[in-house]
Amino acid sequence: MREYELMYIVHPDLDESALNDVVQRVAAWITDGGGEVVKTEMWGKRQLAYPIRKQTQGQYVLMHCKMAPKFGVTLERNLRFQEPILRFLLSVK
């Protein structure tokens, strides 16, 4: 298993419980795929460099995780279909 960093930006209008649901859903995908979430950092609401879907702010979340390299494709597909996630970046640590 490789170590990855997953950074994603969630819609700024979500309340804390809805944001936690999104974070738990992403963590569940990783663990269900045979990986593990090492650490999750909530960076909070920040200004975006440019508007994304007419939003100028977003709630940033950084996850450090370990998973198989082939699972990255599945994770990216799942993230792409989530409406509250504006952008994401999965990179090898």
PDB file of N, CA and C in Angstrom:
ATOM      1  N   MET A   1       0.845  -1.183   0.000  1.00  0.00           N
ATOM      2  CA  MET A   1       0.000   0.000   0.000  1.00  0.00           C
ATOM      3  C   MET A   1       0.886   1.241   0.000  1.00  0.00           C
ATOM      4  N   ARG A   2       0.442   2.219  -0.741  1.00  0.00           N
ATOM      5  CA  ARG A   2       1.161   3.486  -0.833  1.00  0.00           C
ATOM      6  C   ARG A   2       0.479   4.533   0.035  1.00  0.00           C
ATOM      7  N   GLU A   3       1.254   5.542   0.380  1.00  0.00           N
ATOM      8  CA  GLU A   3       0.705   6.667   1.138  1.00  0.00           C
ATOM      9  C   GLU A   3       0.269   7.753   0.151  1.00  0.00           C
ATOM     10  N   TYR A   4      -0.921   8.291   0.380  1.00  0.00           N
ATOM     11  CA  TYR A   4      -1.488   9.325  -0.481  1.00  0.00           C
ATOM     12  C   TYR A   4      -1.960  10.506   0.359  1.00  0.00           C
ATOM     13  N   GLU A   5      -2.025  11.652  -0.285  1.00  0.00           N
ATOM     14  CA  GLU A   5      -2.685  12.825   0.275  1.00  0.00           C
ATOM     15  C   GLU A   5      -3.886  13.129  -0.609  1.00  0.00           C
ATOM     16  N   LEU A   6      -5.025  13.272   0.014  1.00  0.00           N
ATOM     17  CA  LEU A   6      -6.247  13.621  -0.704  1.00  0.00           C
ATOM     18  C   LEU A   6      -6.730  14.963  -0.179  1.00  0.00           C
ATOM     19  N   MET A   7      -6.692  15.961  -1.039  1.00  0.00           N
ATOM     20  CA  MET A   7      -7.197  17.286  -0.683  1.00  0.00           C
ATOM     21  C   MET A   7      -8.469  17.507  -1.480  1.00  0.00           C
ATOM     22  N   TYR A   8      -9.541  17.910  -0.797  1.00  0.00           N
ATOM     23  CA  TYR A   8     -10.755  18.233  -1.531  1.00  0.00           C
ATOM     24  C   TYR A   8     -11.431  19.446  -0.919  1.00  0.00           C
ATOM     25  N   ILE A   9     -12.178  20.149  -1.777  1.00  0.00           N
ATOM     26  CA  ILE A   9     -12.877  21.378  -1.400  1.00  0.00           C
ATOM     27  C   ILE A   9     -14.369  21.086  -1.433  1.00  0.00           C
ATOM     28  N   VAL A  10     -15.025  21.352  -0.308  1.00  0.00           N
ATOM     29  CA  VAL A  10     -16.453  21.082  -0.165  1.00  0.00           C
ATOM     30  C   VAL A  10     -17.205  22.406  -0.255  1.00  0.00           C
ATOM     31  N   HIS A  11     -18.434  22.343  -0.723  1.00  0.00           N
ATOM     32  CA  HIS A  11     -19.300  23.525  -0.868  1.00  0.00           C
ATOM     33  C   HIS A  11     -19.324  24.326   0.435  1.00  0.00           C
ATOM     34  N   PRO A  12     -19.188  25.651   0.381  1.00  0.00           N
ATOM     35  CA  PRO A  12     -19.075  26.459   1.596  1.00  0.00           C
ATOM     36  C   PRO A  12     -20.370  26.587   2.400  1.00  0.00           C
ATOM     37  N   ASP A  13     -21.522  26.333   1.787  1.00  0.00           N
ATOM     38  CA  ASP A  13     -22.789  26.533   2.492  1.00  0.00           C
ATOM     39  C   ASP A  13     -23.214  25.334   3.335  1.00  0.00           C
ATOM     40  N   LEU A  14     -22.455  24.245   3.314  1.00  0.00           N
ATOM     41  CA  LEU A  14     -22.817  23.080   4.129  1.00  0.00           C
ATOM     42  C   LEU A  14     -22.564  23.367   5.604  1.00  0.00           C
ATOM     43  N   ASP A  15     -23.492  22.926   6.443  1.00  0.00           N
ATOM     44  CA  ASP A  15     -23.271  23.076   7.878  1.00  0.00           C
ATOM     45  C   ASP A  15     -22.296  22.002   8.353  1.00  0.00           C
ATOM     46  N   GLU A  16     -21.954  22.057   9.634  1.00  0.00           N
ATOM     47  CA  GLU A  16     -20.919  21.174  10.176  1.00  0.00           C
ATOM     48  C   GLU A  16     -21.296  19.698  10.093  1.00  0.00           C
ATOM     49  N   SER A  17     -22.556  19.370  10.351  1.00  0.00           N
ATOM     50  CA  SER A  17     -22.961  17.961  10.301  1.00  0.00           C
ATOM     51  C   SER A  17     -22.945  17.420   8.869  1.00  0.00           C
ATOM     52  N   ALA A  18     -23.357  18.233   7.903  1.00  0.00           N
ATOM     53  CA  ALA A  18     -23.323  17.797   6.507  1.00  0.00           C
ATOM     54  C   ALA A  18     -21.873  17.643   6.023  1.00  0.00           C
ATOM     55  N   LEU A  19     -20.994  18.530   6.462  1.00  0.00           N
ATOM     56  CA  LEU A  19     -19.582  18.419   6.118  1.00  0.00           C
ATOM     57  C   LEU A  19     -18.985  17.148   6.711  1.00  0.00           C
ATOM     58  N   ASN A  20     -19.321  16.854   7.952  1.00  0.00           N
ATOM     59  CA  ASN A  20     -18.829  15.632   8.591  1.00  0.00           C
ATOM     60  C   ASN A  20     -19.353  14.390   7.877  1.00  0.00           C
ATOM     61  N   ASP A  21     -20.580  14.446   7.367  1.00  0.00           N
ATOM     62  CA  ASP A  21     -21.122  13.318   6.604  1.00  0.00           C
ATOM     63  C   ASP A  21     -20.313  13.075   5.330  1.00  0.00           C
ATOM     64  N   VAL A  22     -19.934  14.140   4.650  1.00  0.00           N
ATOM     65  CA  VAL A  22     -19.135  14.005   3.434  1.00  0.00           C
ATOM     66  C   VAL A  22     -17.766  13.415   3.775  1.00  0.00           C
ATOM     67  N   VAL A  23     -17.149  13.904   4.842  1.00  0.00           N
ATOM     68  CA  VAL A  23     -15.833  13.404   5.247  1.00  0.00           C
ATOM     69  C   VAL A  23     -15.916  11.925   5.636  1.00  0.00           C
ATOM     70  N   GLN A  24     -16.966  11.556   6.375  1.00  0.00           N
ATOM     71  CA  GLN A  24     -17.130  10.155   6.766  1.00  0.00           C
ATOM     72  C   GLN A  24     -17.392   9.259   5.556  1.00  0.00           C
ATOM     73  N   ARG A  25     -18.122   9.760   4.578  1.00  0.00           N
ATOM     74  CA  ARG A  25     -18.406   8.988   3.370  1.00  0.00           C
ATOM     75  C   ARG A  25     -17.113   8.702   2.602  1.00  0.00           C
ATOM     76  N   VAL A  26     -16.257   9.709   2.465  1.00  0.00           N
ATOM     77  CA  VAL A  26     -14.988   9.536   1.762  1.00  0.00           C
ATOM     78  C   VAL A  26     -14.089   8.570   2.535  1.00  0.00           C
ATOM     79  N   ALA A  27     -14.042   8.713   3.855  1.00  0.00           N
ATOM     80  CA  ALA A  27     -13.236   7.803   4.670  1.00  0.00           C
ATOM     81  C   ALA A  27     -13.752   6.370   4.567  1.00  0.00           C
ATOM     82  N   ALA A  28     -15.063   6.201   4.490  1.00  0.00           N
ATOM     83  CA  ALA A  28     -15.647   4.862   4.363  1.00  0.00           C
ATOM     84  C   ALA A  28     -15.280   4.235   3.024  1.00  0.00           C
ATOM     85  N   TRP A  29     -15.244   5.028   1.946  1.00  0.00           N
ATOM     86  CA  TRP A  29     -14.830   4.497   0.649  1.00  0.00           C
ATOM     87  C   TRP A  29     -13.406   3.964   0.720  1.00  0.00           C
ATOM     88  N   ILE A  30     -12.531   4.705   1.399  1.00  0.00           N
ATOM     89  CA  ILE A  30     -11.129   4.298   1.485  1.00  0.00           C
ATOM     90  C   ILE A  30     -10.996   3.010   2.288  1.00  0.00           C
ATOM     91  N   THR A  31     -11.662   2.938   3.430  1.00  0.00           N
ATOM     92  CA  THR A  31     -11.556   1.733   4.259  1.00  0.00           C
ATOM     93  C   THR A  31     -12.248   0.540   3.607  1.00  0.00           C
ATOM     94  N   ASP A  32     -13.357   0.761   2.911  1.00  0.00           N
ATOM     95  CA  ASP A  32     -14.033  -0.336   2.209  1.00  0.00           C
ATOM     96  C   ASP A  32     -13.191  -0.866   1.053  1.00  0.00           C
ATOM     97  N   GLY A  33     -12.336  -0.028   0.504  1.00  0.00           N
ATOM     98  CA  GLY A  33     -11.467  -0.439  -0.590  1.00  0.00           C
ATOM     99  C   GLY A  33     -10.181  -1.093  -0.118  1.00  0.00           C
ATOM    100  N   GLY A  34     -10.075  -1.342   1.173  1.00  0.00           N
ATOM    101  CA  GLY A  34      -8.894  -2.017   1.707  1.00  0.00           C
ATOM    102  C   GLY A  34      -7.803  -1.076   2.189  1.00  0.00           C
ATOM    103  N   GLY A  35      -8.074   0.200   2.231  1.00  0.00           N
ATOM    104  CA  GLY A  35      -7.077   1.170   2.693  1.00  0.00           C
ATOM    105  C   GLY A  35      -7.339   1.604   4.115  1.00  0.00           C
ATOM    106  N   GLU A  36      -6.595   2.595   4.550  1.00  0.00           N
ATOM    107  CA  GLU A  36      -6.813   3.157   5.876  1.00  0.00           C
ATOM    108  C   GLU A  36      -6.565   4.656   5.853  1.00  0.00           C
ATOM    109  N   VAL A  37      -7.333   5.373   6.652  1.00  0.00           N
ATOM    110  CA  VAL A  37      -7.162   6.815   6.781  1.00  0.00           C
ATOM    111  C   VAL A  37      -6.248   7.055   7.973  1.00  0.00           C
ATOM    112  N   VAL A  38      -5.093   7.638   7.722  1.00  0.00           N
ATOM    113  CA  VAL A  38      -4.116   7.875   8.774  1.00  0.00           C
ATOM    114  C   VAL A  38      -4.473   9.128   9.568  1.00  0.00           C
ATOM    115  N   LYS A  39      -4.830  10.195   8.846  1.00  0.00           N
ATOM    116  CA  LYS A  39      -5.090  11.477   9.513  1.00  0.00           C
ATOM    117  C   LYS A  39      -6.017  12.315   8.647  1.00  0.00           C
ATOM    118  N   THR A  40      -6.912  13.043   9.277  1.00  0.00           N
ATOM    119  CA  THR A  40      -7.813  13.958   8.578  1.00  0.00           C
ATOM    120  C   THR A  40      -7.672  15.337   9.191  1.00  0.00           C
ATOM    121  N   GLU A  41      -7.421  16.324   8.356  1.00  0.00           N
ATOM    122  CA  GLU A  41      -7.280  17.711   8.806  1.00  0.00           C
ATOM    123  C   GLU A  41      -8.375  18.558   8.174  1.00  0.00           C
ATOM    124  N   MET A  42      -9.143  19.235   8.999  1.00  0.00           N
ATOM    125  CA  MET A  42     -10.166  20.161   8.520  1.00  0.00           C
ATOM    126  C   MET A  42      -9.546  21.563   8.535  1.00  0.00           C
ATOM    127  N   TRP A  43      -9.332  22.122   7.351  1.00  0.00           N
ATOM    128  CA  TRP A  43      -8.694  23.426   7.252  1.00  0.00           C
ATOM    129  C   TRP A  43      -9.687  24.570   7.372  1.00  0.00           C
ATOM    130  N   GLY A  44     -10.959  24.276   7.257  1.00  0.00           N
ATOM    131  CA  GLY A  44     -11.972  25.306   7.391  1.00  0.00           C
ATOM    132  C   GLY A  44     -12.263  26.018   6.084  1.00  0.00           C
ATOM    133  N   LYS A  45     -13.027  27.089   6.197  1.00  0.00           N
ATOM    134  CA  LYS A  45     -13.467  27.845   5.020  1.00  0.00           C
ATOM    135  C   LYS A  45     -12.371  28.819   4.601  1.00  0.00           C
ATOM    136  N   ARG A  46     -12.045  28.785   3.309  1.00  0.00           N
ATOM    137  CA  ARG A  46     -11.009  29.652   2.753  1.00  0.00           C
ATOM    138  C   ARG A  46     -11.461  30.236   1.417  1.00  0.00           C
ATOM    139  N   GLN A  47     -10.829  31.320   1.055  1.00  0.00           N
ATOM    140  CA  GLN A  47     -11.107  31.986  -0.221  1.00  0.00           C
ATOM    141  C   GLN A  47     -10.496  31.173  -1.355  1.00  0.00           C
ATOM    142  N   LEU A  48     -11.227  30.986  -2.436  1.00  0.00           N
ATOM    143  CA  LEU A  48     -10.716  30.290  -3.610  1.00  0.00           C
ATOM    144  C   LEU A  48      -9.955  31.274  -4.503  1.00  0.00           C
ATOM    145  N   ALA A  49      -9.014  30.766  -5.274  1.00  0.00           N
ATOM    146  CA  ALA A  49      -8.240  31.612  -6.178  1.00  0.00           C
ATOM    147  C   ALA A  49      -9.101  32.105  -7.337  1.00  0.00           C
ATOM    148  N   TYR A  50     -10.094  31.300  -7.721  1.00  0.00           N
ATOM    149  CA  TYR A  50     -11.002  31.669  -8.807  1.00  0.00           C
ATOM    150  C   TYR A  50     -12.340  30.997  -8.528  1.00  0.00           C
ATOM    151  N   PRO A  51     -13.437  31.540  -9.036  1.00  0.00           N
ATOM    152  CA  PRO A  51     -14.759  30.958  -8.757  1.00  0.00           C
ATOM    153  C   PRO A  51     -14.897  29.552  -9.345  1.00  0.00           C
ATOM    154  N   ILE A  52     -15.474  28.659  -8.555  1.00  0.00           N
ATOM    155  CA  ILE A  52     -15.791  27.303  -8.988  1.00  0.00           C
ATOM    156  C   ILE A  52     -17.286  27.114  -8.772  1.00  0.00           C
ATOM    157  N   ARG A  53     -18.018  26.836  -9.836  1.00  0.00           N
ATOM    158  CA  ARG A  53     -19.474  26.680  -9.778  1.00  0.00           C
ATOM    159  C   ARG A  53     -20.129  27.868  -9.049  1.00  0.00           C
ATOM    160  N   LYS A  54     -19.680  29.057  -9.398  1.00  0.00           N
ATOM    161  CA  LYS A  54     -20.193  30.324  -8.860  1.00  0.00           C
ATOM    162  C   LYS A  54     -19.925  30.493  -7.370  1.00  0.00           C
ATOM    163  N   GLN A  55     -18.983  29.757  -6.804  1.00  0.00           N
ATOM    164  CA  GLN A  55     -18.604  29.882  -5.397  1.00  0.00           C
ATOM    165  C   GLN A  55     -17.218  30.518  -5.316  1.00  0.00           C
ATOM    166  N   THR A  56     -17.051  31.448  -4.369  1.00  0.00           N
ATOM    167  CA  THR A  56     -15.757  32.093  -4.181  1.00  0.00           C
ATOM    168  C   THR A  56     -15.047  31.603  -2.931  1.00  0.00           C
ATOM    169  N   GLN A  57     -15.720  30.772  -2.129  1.00  0.00           N
ATOM    170  CA  GLN A  57     -15.124  30.181  -0.939  1.00  0.00           C
ATOM    171  C   GLN A  57     -15.371  28.686  -0.948  1.00  0.00           C
ATOM    172  N   GLY A  58     -14.607  27.968  -0.131  1.00  0.00           N
ATOM    173  CA  GLY A  58     -14.789  26.530  -0.013  1.00  0.00           C
ATOM    174  C   GLY A  58     -14.232  26.041   1.307  1.00  0.00           C
ATOM    175  N   GLN A  59     -14.709  24.892   1.758  1.00  0.00           N
ATOM    176  CA  GLN A  59     -14.222  24.281   2.990  1.00  0.00           C
ATOM    177  C   GLN A  59     -13.202  23.205   2.602  1.00  0.00           C
ATOM    178  N   TYR A  60     -11.975  23.394   3.041  1.00  0.00           N
ATOM    179  CA  TYR A  60     -10.881  22.511   2.655  1.00  0.00           C
ATOM    180  C   TYR A  60     -10.735  21.361   3.637  1.00  0.00           C
ATOM    181  N   VAL A  61     -10.493  20.161   3.088  1.00  0.00           N
ATOM    182  CA  VAL A  61     -10.250  18.966   3.900  1.00  0.00           C
ATOM    183  C   VAL A  61      -9.031  18.262   3.320  1.00  0.00           C
ATOM    184  N   LEU A  62      -8.088  17.871   4.194  1.00  0.00           N
ATOM    185  CA  LEU A  62      -6.891  17.141   3.788  1.00  0.00           C
ATOM    186  C   LEU A  62      -6.883  15.801   4.503  1.00  0.00           C
ATOM    187  N   MET A  63      -6.741  14.722   3.739  1.00  0.00           N
ATOM    188  CA  MET A  63      -6.684  13.372   4.311  1.00  0.00           C
ATOM    189  C   MET A  63      -5.361  12.731   3.923  1.00  0.00           C
ATOM    190  N   HIS A  64      -4.696  12.152   4.901  1.00  0.00           N
ATOM    191  CA  HIS A  64      -3.528  11.314   4.662  1.00  0.00           C
ATOM    192  C   HIS A  64      -4.022   9.881   4.756  1.00  0.00           C
ATOM    193  N   CYS A  65      -3.782   9.093   3.722  1.00  0.00           N
ATOM    194  CA  CYS A  65      -4.310   7.733   3.719  1.00  0.00           C
ATOM    195  C   CYS A  65      -3.331   6.778   3.048  1.00  0.00           C
ATOM    196  N   LYS A  66      -3.558   5.502   3.295  1.00  0.00           N
ATOM    197  CA  LYS A  66      -2.793   4.427   2.667  1.00  0.00           C
ATOM    198  C   LYS A  66      -3.783   3.552   1.922  1.00  0.00           C
ATOM    199  N   MET A  67      -3.464   3.262   0.663  1.00  0.00           N
ATOM    200  CA  MET A  67      -4.343   2.407  -0.140  1.00  0.00           C
ATOM    201  C   MET A  67      -3.570   1.841  -1.317  1.00  0.00           C
ATOM    202  N   ALA A  68      -4.178   0.857  -1.959  1.00  0.00           N
ATOM    203  CA  ALA A  68      -3.575   0.241  -3.134  1.00  0.00           C
ATOM    204  C   ALA A  68      -3.613   1.224  -4.302  1.00  0.00           C
ATOM    205  N   PRO A  69      -2.594   1.208  -5.155  1.00  0.00           N
ATOM    206  CA  PRO A  69      -2.561   2.152  -6.279  1.00  0.00           C
ATOM    207  C   PRO A  69      -3.753   2.036  -7.224  1.00  0.00           C
ATOM    208  N   LYS A  70      -4.263   0.846  -7.438  1.00  0.00           N
ATOM    209  CA  LYS A  70      -5.391   0.670  -8.359  1.00  0.00           C
ATOM    210  C   LYS A  70      -6.687   1.244  -7.799  1.00  0.00           C
ATOM    211  N   PHE A  71      -6.786   1.393  -6.487  1.00  0.00           N
ATOM    212  CA  PHE A  71      -8.013   1.918  -5.891  1.00  0.00           C
ATOM    213  C   PHE A  71      -8.167   3.422  -6.131  1.00  0.00           C
ATOM    214  N   GLY A  72      -7.075   4.100  -6.484  1.00  0.00           N
ATOM    215  CA  GLY A  72      -7.137   5.545  -6.730  1.00  0.00           C
ATOM    216  C   GLY A  72      -8.112   5.917  -7.831  1.00  0.00           C
ATOM    217  N   VAL A  73      -8.195   5.101  -8.859  1.00  0.00           N
ATOM    218  CA  VAL A  73      -9.119   5.365  -9.973  1.00  0.00           C
ATOM    219  C   VAL A  73     -10.566   5.296  -9.487  1.00  0.00           C
ATOM    220  N   THR A  74     -10.863   4.282  -8.687  1.00  0.00           N
ATOM    221  CA  THR A  74     -12.223   4.131  -8.149  1.00  0.00           C
ATOM    222  C   THR A  74     -12.572   5.285  -7.221  1.00  0.00           C
ATOM    223  N   LEU A  75     -11.633   5.680  -6.378  1.00  0.00           N
ATOM    224  CA  LEU A  75     -11.874   6.785  -5.453  1.00  0.00           C
ATOM    225  C   LEU A  75     -12.125   8.082  -6.207  1.00  0.00           C
ATOM    226  N   GLU A  76     -11.328   8.355  -7.232  1.00  0.00           N
ATOM    227  CA  GLU A  76     -11.526   9.574  -8.018  1.00  0.00           C
ATOM    228  C   GLU A  76     -12.879   9.571  -8.719  1.00  0.00           C
ATOM    229  N   ARG A  77     -13.314   8.420  -9.216  1.00  0.00           N
ATOM    230  CA  ARG A  77     -14.629   8.340  -9.858  1.00  0.00           C
ATOM    231  C   ARG A  77     -15.738   8.647  -8.847  1.00  0.00           C
ATOM    232  N   ASN A  78     -15.630   8.100  -7.644  1.00  0.00           N
ATOM    233  CA  ASN A  78     -16.635   8.361  -6.616  1.00  0.00           C
ATOM    234  C   ASN A  78     -16.651   9.832  -6.215  1.00  0.00           C
ATOM    235  N   LEU A  79     -15.485  10.436  -6.099  1.00  0.00           N
ATOM    236  CA  LEU A  79     -15.411  11.853  -5.726  1.00  0.00           C
ATOM    237  C   LEU A  79     -16.002  12.746  -6.812  1.00  0.00           C
ATOM    238  N   ARG A  80     -15.815  12.368  -8.057  1.00  0.00           N
ATOM    239  CA  ARG A  80     -16.306  13.172  -9.173  1.00  0.00           C
ATOM    240  C   ARG A  80     -17.831  13.264  -9.165  1.00  0.00           C
ATOM    241  N   PHE A  81     -18.511  12.219  -8.685  1.00  0.00           N
ATOM    242  CA  PHE A  81     -19.976  12.199  -8.698  1.00  0.00           C
ATOM    243  C   PHE A  81     -20.605  12.814  -7.458  1.00  0.00           C
ATOM    244  N   GLN A  82     -19.809  13.287  -6.509  1.00  0.00           N
ATOM    245  CA  GLN A  82     -20.350  13.913  -5.308  1.00  0.00           C
ATOM    246  C   GLN A  82     -20.620  15.393  -5.563  1.00  0.00           C
ATOM    247  N   GLU A  83     -21.868  15.772  -5.431  1.00  0.00           N
ATOM    248  CA  GLU A  83     -22.282  17.155  -5.699  1.00  0.00           C
ATOM    249  C   GLU A  83     -21.619  18.169  -4.764  1.00  0.00           C
ATOM    250  N   PRO A  84     -21.506  17.913  -3.444  1.00  0.00           N
ATOM    251  CA  PRO A  84     -20.920  18.940  -2.570  1.00  0.00           C
ATOM    252  C   PRO A  84     -19.405  19.135  -2.736  1.00  0.00           C
ATOM    253  N   ILE A  85     -18.712  18.209  -3.380  1.00  0.00           N
ATOM    254  CA  ILE A  85     -17.271  18.338  -3.551  1.00  0.00           C
ATOM    255  C   ILE A  85     -17.005  19.137  -4.835  1.00  0.00           C
ATOM    256  N   LEU A  86     -16.399  20.317  -4.650  1.00  0.00           N
ATOM    257  CA  LEU A  86     -16.145  21.203  -5.779  1.00  0.00           C
ATOM    258  C   LEU A  86     -14.912  20.771  -6.573  1.00  0.00           C
ATOM    259  N   ARG A  87     -13.824  20.466  -5.881  1.00  0.00           N
ATOM    260  CA  ARG A  87     -12.580  20.031  -6.517  1.00  0.00           C
ATOM    261  C   ARG A  87     -11.875  19.044  -5.582  1.00  0.00           C
ATOM    262  N   PHE A  88     -11.006  18.211  -6.169  1.00  0.00           N
ATOM    263  CA  PHE A  88     -10.215  17.279  -5.371  1.00  0.00           C
ATOM    264  C   PHE A  88      -8.883  17.049  -6.060  1.00  0.00           C
ATOM    265  N   LEU A  89      -7.886  16.607  -5.280  1.00  0.00           N
ATOM    266  CA  LEU A  89      -6.574  16.274  -5.807  1.00  0.00           C
ATOM    267  C   LEU A  89      -6.045  15.103  -4.983  1.00  0.00           C
ATOM    268  N   LEU A  90      -5.735  14.024  -5.649  1.00  0.00           N
ATOM    269  CA  LEU A  90      -5.149  12.848  -5.017  1.00  0.00           C
ATOM    270  C   LEU A  90      -3.718  12.736  -5.484  1.00  0.00           C
ATOM    271  N   SER A  91      -2.765  12.781  -4.547  1.00  0.00           N
ATOM    272  CA  SER A  91      -1.355  12.718  -4.924  1.00  0.00           C
ATOM    273  C   SER A  91      -0.611  11.745  -4.024  1.00  0.00           C
ATOM    274  N   VAL A  92       0.455  11.167  -4.585  1.00  0.00           N
ATOM    275  CA  VAL A  92       1.301  10.246  -3.832  1.00  0.00           C
ATOM    276  C   VAL A  92       2.163  11.069  -2.891  1.00  0.00           C
ATOM    277  N   LYS A  93       2.274  10.612  -1.670  1.00  0.00           N
ATOM    278  CA  LYS A  93       3.044  11.350  -0.659  1.00  0.00           C
ATOM    279  C   LYS A  93       4.519  11.066  -0.800  1.00  0.00           C
TER     280      LYS A  93
END
